[in-house]
Amino acid sequence: MTLDQLRIFVAVAEREHMTRAAEALNQTQSATSAAIAALEERHNLRLFDRIGRRIVLTDAGRDFLGEARAVLARAAIASQRLDDLAGVKRGRLRLAASQTVANYWLPAVIARFREAHPEIALTVRIGNSDDAARAVEALQADIGIIEGDCQLTTLRAKAVAGDTLRLVFPSGAAGGDLSPERLRHTPWILREAGSGTRDSFLQWLGRQGLGLEELESTLELPSNEAVCSAVEAGIGAALLSDLVVRRSIEAGRMVDVPIDTPQRRFHILTHAERQPSALEARFIHHAETSA
């Protein structure tokens, strides 16, 4: 069994499609199929069921997927260690970031890092805060950056920069009456479960003496930009990062109502059971000094 076979197996398993996996790996479909066939033949075990043009993992394949990912993650760590010993000139860094961080804060950090380390390859996967934390926990990312706190004890969290949350209403909405009665009757637009922005809203709502179940009308959307557009369209109110809504407020497309809320910190996440490599440490330094 080779690392290349494992990489091909994981690529096919994640896409459930030979051609798409081959394209992602920049190799021919025949080479991809041959690698899977060799794995199955070597161990006399079927890893995929073929259903028309589509393939799906068997029970054995699903069990093996976690092991394959773990082996590839450990191989990547070993490769990074060799880069450290040779001096950080080349290498690859895998980042996972929540949406607010990835879209509004992280680009400037990456730009500074790339200026100092142009030979380093960077990949960024974007999800919500929970997605980013789970990627680091599963060794699918070297570093995670999220807004708010992380509850996973398997990870180290280090506070870096932050943002301010603003309570926004459609343009022309009434003034600053934030009584529990008004809050109950306000249509609220929320991010999905697992989002740091949603968690911040629930914490703020709790300080007003209310729970989510007491709100009469809520709409859940999967991105900050979708929530922002919904507020601009007059659908309802939201609690969003100043980084997201600042331009819309300045343009008069929505209004904010001042609230007493502390600055929310961003956190850099690393796995608790492994020391950050020299490359990772350098990136973390750039992130800390970009506050």
Protein backbone atom coordinates (compact mmCIF):
# COMPACT_ATOMS: atom_id res chain seq x y z
CA MET A 1 0.00 0.00 0.00
CA THR A 2 1.41 3.39 -1.00
CA LEU A 3 0.61 6.97 0.02
CA ASP A 4 -0.41 7.66 -3.58
CA GLN A 5 -2.98 4.85 -3.39
CA LEU A 6 -4.32 6.32 -0.16
CA ARG A 7 -4.56 9.80 -1.67
CA ILE A 8 -6.44 8.40 -4.66
CA PHE A 9 -8.77 6.39 -2.43
CA VAL A 10 -9.61 9.47 -0.31
CA ALA A 11 -10.17 11.63 -3.40
CA VAL A 12 -12.55 9.06 -4.93
CA ALA A 13 -14.35 8.52 -1.60
CA GLU A 14 -14.93 12.24 -1.09
CA ARG A 15 -16.28 12.78 -4.61
CA GLU A 16 -17.92 9.39 -5.22
CA HIS A 17 -16.80 9.77 -8.83
CA MET A 18 -13.71 8.43 -10.62
CA THR A 19 -13.50 11.13 -13.28
CA ARG A 20 -13.86 14.03 -10.83
CA ALA A 21 -11.27 12.48 -8.52
CA ALA A 22 -8.87 12.01 -11.44
CA GLU A 23 -9.33 15.65 -12.47
CA ALA A 24 -8.69 16.84 -8.90
CA LEU A 25 -5.52 14.72 -8.76
CA ASN A 26 -4.41 15.82 -12.24
CA GLN A 27 -4.11 12.26 -13.53
CA THR A 28 -5.95 9.98 -15.94
CA GLN A 29 -9.13 8.15 -15.03
CA SER A 30 -7.48 4.84 -15.93
CA ALA A 31 -4.65 5.47 -13.45
CA THR A 32 -7.19 6.36 -10.77
CA SER A 33 -9.27 3.25 -11.42
CA ALA A 34 -6.15 1.06 -11.48
CA ALA A 35 -5.04 2.33 -8.07
CA ILE A 36 -8.42 1.53 -6.51
CA ALA A 37 -8.50 -1.87 -8.18
CA ALA A 38 -5.00 -2.63 -6.89
CA LEU A 39 -6.01 -1.77 -3.32
CA GLU A 40 -9.12 -3.95 -3.51
CA GLU A 41 -7.28 -6.85 -5.12
CA ARG A 42 -4.32 -6.69 -2.72
CA HIS A 43 -6.59 -6.97 0.31
CA ASN A 44 -9.36 -9.01 -1.31
CA LEU A 45 -11.88 -6.42 -0.13
CA ARG A 46 -14.42 -4.32 -2.00
CA LEU A 47 -14.12 -0.66 -1.02
CA PHE A 48 -16.72 0.75 -3.43
CA ASP A 49 -20.01 -0.37 -4.92
CA ARG A 50 -20.49 0.60 -8.57
CA ILE A 51 -23.99 1.92 -9.26
CA GLY A 52 -24.24 2.99 -12.89
CA ARG A 53 -21.70 5.78 -13.39
CA ARG A 54 -21.67 6.53 -9.69
CA ILE A 55 -19.70 4.76 -6.99
CA VAL A 56 -20.42 4.67 -3.26
CA LEU A 57 -18.37 3.47 -0.31
CA THR A 58 -19.06 0.05 1.11
CA ASP A 59 -19.16 -0.39 4.90
CA ALA A 60 -15.52 -1.50 4.74
CA GLY A 61 -14.66 1.55 2.64
CA ARG A 62 -16.30 3.90 5.15
CA ASP A 63 -14.33 2.30 8.00
CA PHE A 64 -11.10 2.56 6.03
CA LEU A 65 -11.62 6.23 5.05
CA GLY A 66 -10.86 7.54 8.54
CA GLU A 67 -7.67 5.46 8.72
CA ALA A 68 -6.54 6.60 5.28
CA ARG A 69 -7.06 10.26 6.20
CA ALA A 70 -5.16 9.78 9.46
CA VAL A 71 -2.18 8.17 7.68
CA LEU A 72 -2.04 10.99 5.11
CA ALA A 73 -2.23 13.58 7.88
CA ARG A 74 0.68 11.96 9.72
CA ALA A 75 2.69 11.78 6.50
CA ALA A 76 2.09 15.50 5.93
CA ILE A 77 3.31 16.22 9.46
CA ALA A 78 6.44 14.13 8.88
CA SER A 79 7.11 15.98 5.62
CA GLN A 80 6.72 19.30 7.40
CA ARG A 81 9.23 18.23 10.04
CA LEU A 82 11.80 17.63 7.30
CA ASP A 83 11.07 21.10 5.93
CA ASP A 84 11.67 22.49 9.43
CA LEU A 85 15.04 20.77 9.64
CA ALA A 86 16.00 22.17 6.26
CA GLY A 87 14.84 25.65 7.18
CA VAL A 88 11.43 27.03 6.25
CA LYS A 89 11.86 27.82 2.57
CA ARG A 90 9.27 25.55 1.02
CA GLY A 91 6.28 23.67 2.33
CA ARG A 92 2.52 23.59 2.49
CA LEU A 93 0.21 25.04 5.11
CA ARG A 94 -3.44 24.02 5.41
CA LEU A 95 -5.75 26.56 7.03
CA ALA A 96 -9.38 26.25 8.07
CA ALA A 97 -11.30 29.43 8.85
CA SER A 98 -14.78 30.55 9.71
CA GLN A 99 -16.57 32.77 7.20
CA THR A 100 -16.15 36.11 8.96
CA VAL A 101 -12.44 35.47 9.51
CA ALA A 102 -11.80 34.07 6.02
CA ASN A 103 -13.62 36.76 4.07
CA TYR A 104 -12.77 39.90 6.04
CA TRP A 105 -9.65 39.46 8.21
CA LEU A 106 -7.56 36.58 6.95
CA PRO A 107 -6.70 37.91 3.43
CA ALA A 108 -4.48 40.67 4.87
CA VAL A 109 -2.70 38.15 7.10
CA ILE A 110 -2.09 35.83 4.15
CA ALA A 111 -0.79 38.72 2.05
CA ARG A 112 1.81 39.61 4.71
CA PHE A 113 2.79 35.97 5.13
CA ARG A 114 3.15 35.39 1.38
CA GLU A 115 5.31 38.49 1.08
CA ALA A 116 7.73 37.00 3.63
CA HIS A 117 7.40 33.37 2.44
CA PRO A 118 6.55 33.34 -1.29
CA GLU A 119 7.53 29.68 -1.72
CA ILE A 120 5.00 28.38 0.81
CA ALA A 121 1.81 26.87 -0.65
CA LEU A 122 -1.33 27.84 1.26
CA THR A 123 -4.78 26.26 1.09
CA VAL A 124 -7.80 27.62 2.96
CA ARG A 125 -11.01 25.73 3.63
CA ILE A 126 -13.94 27.91 4.65
CA GLY A 127 -16.94 26.89 6.75
CA ASN A 128 -18.42 27.99 10.03
CA SER A 129 -16.49 28.02 13.32
CA ASP A 130 -17.48 24.45 14.16
CA ASP A 131 -16.36 23.22 10.71
CA ALA A 132 -12.95 24.88 11.13
CA ALA A 133 -12.41 23.44 14.61
CA ARG A 134 -13.38 19.93 13.51
CA ALA A 135 -10.96 20.11 10.56
CA VAL A 136 -8.05 20.82 12.92
CA GLU A 137 -9.21 18.11 15.32
CA ALA A 138 -9.28 15.58 12.45
CA LEU A 139 -5.80 16.71 11.25
CA GLN A 140 -7.34 17.86 7.98
CA ALA A 141 -6.02 21.37 8.67
CA ASP A 142 -2.86 22.52 10.42
CA ILE A 143 -4.31 25.75 11.82
CA GLY A 144 -7.86 26.93 12.38
CA ILE A 145 -9.00 30.52 12.87
CA ILE A 146 -12.47 31.16 14.24
CA GLU A 147 -14.49 33.93 15.84
CA GLY A 148 -15.58 33.34 19.40
CA ASP A 149 -14.56 30.52 21.70
CA CYS A 150 -13.75 26.87 20.99
CA GLN A 151 -15.18 24.19 23.26
CA LEU A 152 -13.09 21.25 21.99
CA THR A 153 -10.60 20.09 24.62
CA THR A 154 -8.54 18.39 21.88
CA LEU A 155 -7.44 21.82 20.58
CA ARG A 156 -5.34 24.70 21.85
CA ALA A 157 -6.90 28.14 21.37
CA LYS A 158 -4.94 31.39 21.29
CA ALA A 159 -6.71 34.76 21.10
CA VAL A 160 -5.57 37.13 18.38
CA ALA A 161 -7.47 40.00 16.77
CA GLY A 162 -11.20 40.48 16.99
CA ASP A 163 -14.23 42.35 15.77
CA THR A 164 -17.22 44.27 17.12
CA LEU A 165 -20.77 43.01 16.75
CA ARG A 166 -23.46 45.40 15.52
CA LEU A 167 -27.21 45.03 15.79
CA VAL A 168 -28.63 45.99 12.40
CA PHE A 169 -32.15 46.66 11.12
CA PRO A 170 -33.51 47.45 7.66
CA SER A 171 -33.10 51.06 6.58
CA GLY A 172 -35.92 53.20 8.01
CA ALA A 173 -36.56 50.95 11.01
CA ALA A 174 -37.64 52.48 14.31
CA GLY A 175 -35.04 53.73 16.83
CA GLY A 176 -33.35 52.08 19.75
CA ASP A 177 -36.23 50.42 21.62
CA LEU A 178 -34.75 47.04 22.59
CA SER A 179 -37.37 45.96 25.08
CA PRO A 180 -37.97 42.20 25.38
CA GLU A 181 -41.40 42.74 23.84
CA ARG A 182 -39.96 44.35 20.71
CA LEU A 183 -37.24 41.71 20.44
CA ARG A 184 -39.84 38.91 20.59
CA HIS A 185 -41.84 40.41 17.70
CA THR A 186 -38.84 41.32 15.53
CA PRO A 187 -38.18 39.03 12.54
CA TRP A 188 -34.61 37.78 13.11
CA ILE A 189 -32.17 36.52 10.51
CA LEU A 190 -29.68 33.97 11.87
CA ARG A 191 -26.63 32.08 10.71
CA GLU A 192 -26.72 28.28 10.79
CA ALA A 193 -25.93 26.12 13.84
CA GLY A 194 -22.18 25.85 14.39
CA SER A 195 -21.56 29.46 13.37
CA GLY A 196 -19.68 31.70 15.80
CA THR A 197 -21.91 34.61 14.76
CA ARG A 198 -25.01 32.61 15.70
CA ASP A 199 -23.47 31.69 19.06
CA SER A 200 -22.75 35.37 19.71
CA PHE A 201 -26.37 36.26 18.92
CA LEU A 202 -27.67 33.59 21.28
CA GLN A 203 -25.38 34.85 24.05
CA TRP A 204 -26.55 38.43 23.50
CA LEU A 205 -30.17 37.31 23.40
CA GLY A 206 -29.69 35.47 26.70
CA ARG A 207 -28.40 38.69 28.31
CA GLN A 208 -31.71 40.27 27.31
CA GLY A 209 -33.50 37.52 29.24
CA LEU A 210 -34.75 35.73 26.13
CA GLY A 211 -34.23 32.35 24.45
CA LEU A 212 -34.37 31.51 20.78
CA GLU A 213 -37.63 29.62 21.25
CA GLU A 214 -39.32 32.85 22.42
CA LEU A 215 -38.76 34.67 19.14
CA GLU A 216 -41.83 34.71 16.92
CA SER A 217 -40.08 34.81 13.54
CA THR A 218 -36.61 33.60 12.49
CA LEU A 219 -34.93 32.93 9.16
CA GLU A 220 -31.73 30.86 8.99
CA LEU A 221 -29.18 31.51 6.24
CA PRO A 222 -25.78 29.90 5.56
CA SER A 223 -23.51 32.94 5.09
CA ASN A 224 -22.87 36.44 6.42
CA GLU A 225 -23.44 37.90 2.97
CA ALA A 226 -26.85 36.22 2.69
CA VAL A 227 -27.86 37.53 6.12
CA CYS A 228 -26.63 41.02 5.23
CA SER A 229 -28.58 41.02 1.94
CA ALA A 230 -31.73 39.85 3.75
CA VAL A 231 -31.47 42.77 6.20
CA GLU A 232 -30.95 45.20 3.31
CA ALA A 233 -34.05 43.74 1.62
CA GLY A 234 -36.14 44.55 4.70
CA ILE A 235 -36.74 40.97 5.84
CA GLY A 236 -35.58 41.44 9.41
CA ALA A 237 -32.81 42.28 11.88
CA ALA A 238 -29.52 40.55 12.66
CA LEU A 239 -26.42 40.67 14.85
CA LEU A 240 -23.37 40.73 12.55
CA SER A 241 -19.71 41.66 12.61
CA ASP A 242 -18.81 45.27 11.96
CA LEU A 243 -16.48 43.90 9.27
CA VAL A 244 -19.54 42.57 7.42
CA VAL A 245 -22.01 45.46 7.75
CA ARG A 246 -19.85 48.60 7.92
CA ARG A 247 -20.17 49.52 4.24
CA SER A 248 -23.90 48.82 4.15
CA ILE A 249 -24.47 51.08 7.15
CA GLU A 250 -22.32 53.85 5.65
CA ALA A 251 -24.28 53.56 2.39
CA GLY A 252 -27.61 53.83 4.24
CA ARG A 253 -28.78 50.37 3.20
CA MET A 254 -29.34 49.41 6.86
CA VAL A 255 -29.18 51.04 10.27
CA ASP A 256 -27.56 49.88 13.48
CA VAL A 257 -28.83 50.26 17.03
CA PRO A 258 -26.04 50.70 19.60
CA ILE A 259 -25.72 47.85 22.07
CA ASP A 260 -23.33 47.25 24.94
CA THR A 261 -21.33 44.25 23.76
CA PRO A 262 -17.62 43.55 24.28
CA GLN A 263 -15.21 43.02 21.42
CA ARG A 264 -15.36 39.45 20.15
CA ARG A 265 -11.96 37.78 19.87
CA PHE A 266 -10.73 35.60 17.05
CA HIS A 267 -8.89 32.44 18.08
CA ILE A 268 -6.13 30.46 16.40
CA LEU A 269 -6.57 26.73 16.89
CA THR A 270 -3.91 24.01 16.84
CA HIS A 271 -4.10 20.37 17.83
CA ALA A 272 -3.28 19.80 21.51
CA GLU A 273 -1.40 16.55 20.84
CA ARG A 274 1.17 17.98 18.44
CA GLN A 275 3.56 20.90 18.57
CA PRO A 276 3.17 23.49 15.80
CA SER A 277 5.87 23.20 13.15
CA ALA A 278 8.27 26.06 12.50
CA LEU A 279 6.17 27.01 9.46
CA GLU A 280 2.97 27.04 11.50
CA ALA A 281 4.65 29.09 14.24
CA ARG A 282 5.69 31.69 11.68
CA PHE A 283 2.16 31.96 10.33
CA ILE A 284 0.77 32.31 13.86
CA HIS A 285 3.26 35.11 14.50
CA HIS A 286 2.03 36.94 11.40
CA ALA A 287 -1.56 36.52 12.57
CA GLU A 288 -0.76 37.85 16.05
CA THR A 289 1.04 40.92 14.71
CA SER A 290 -1.83 41.69 12.30
CA ALA A 291 -4.16 42.55 15.19
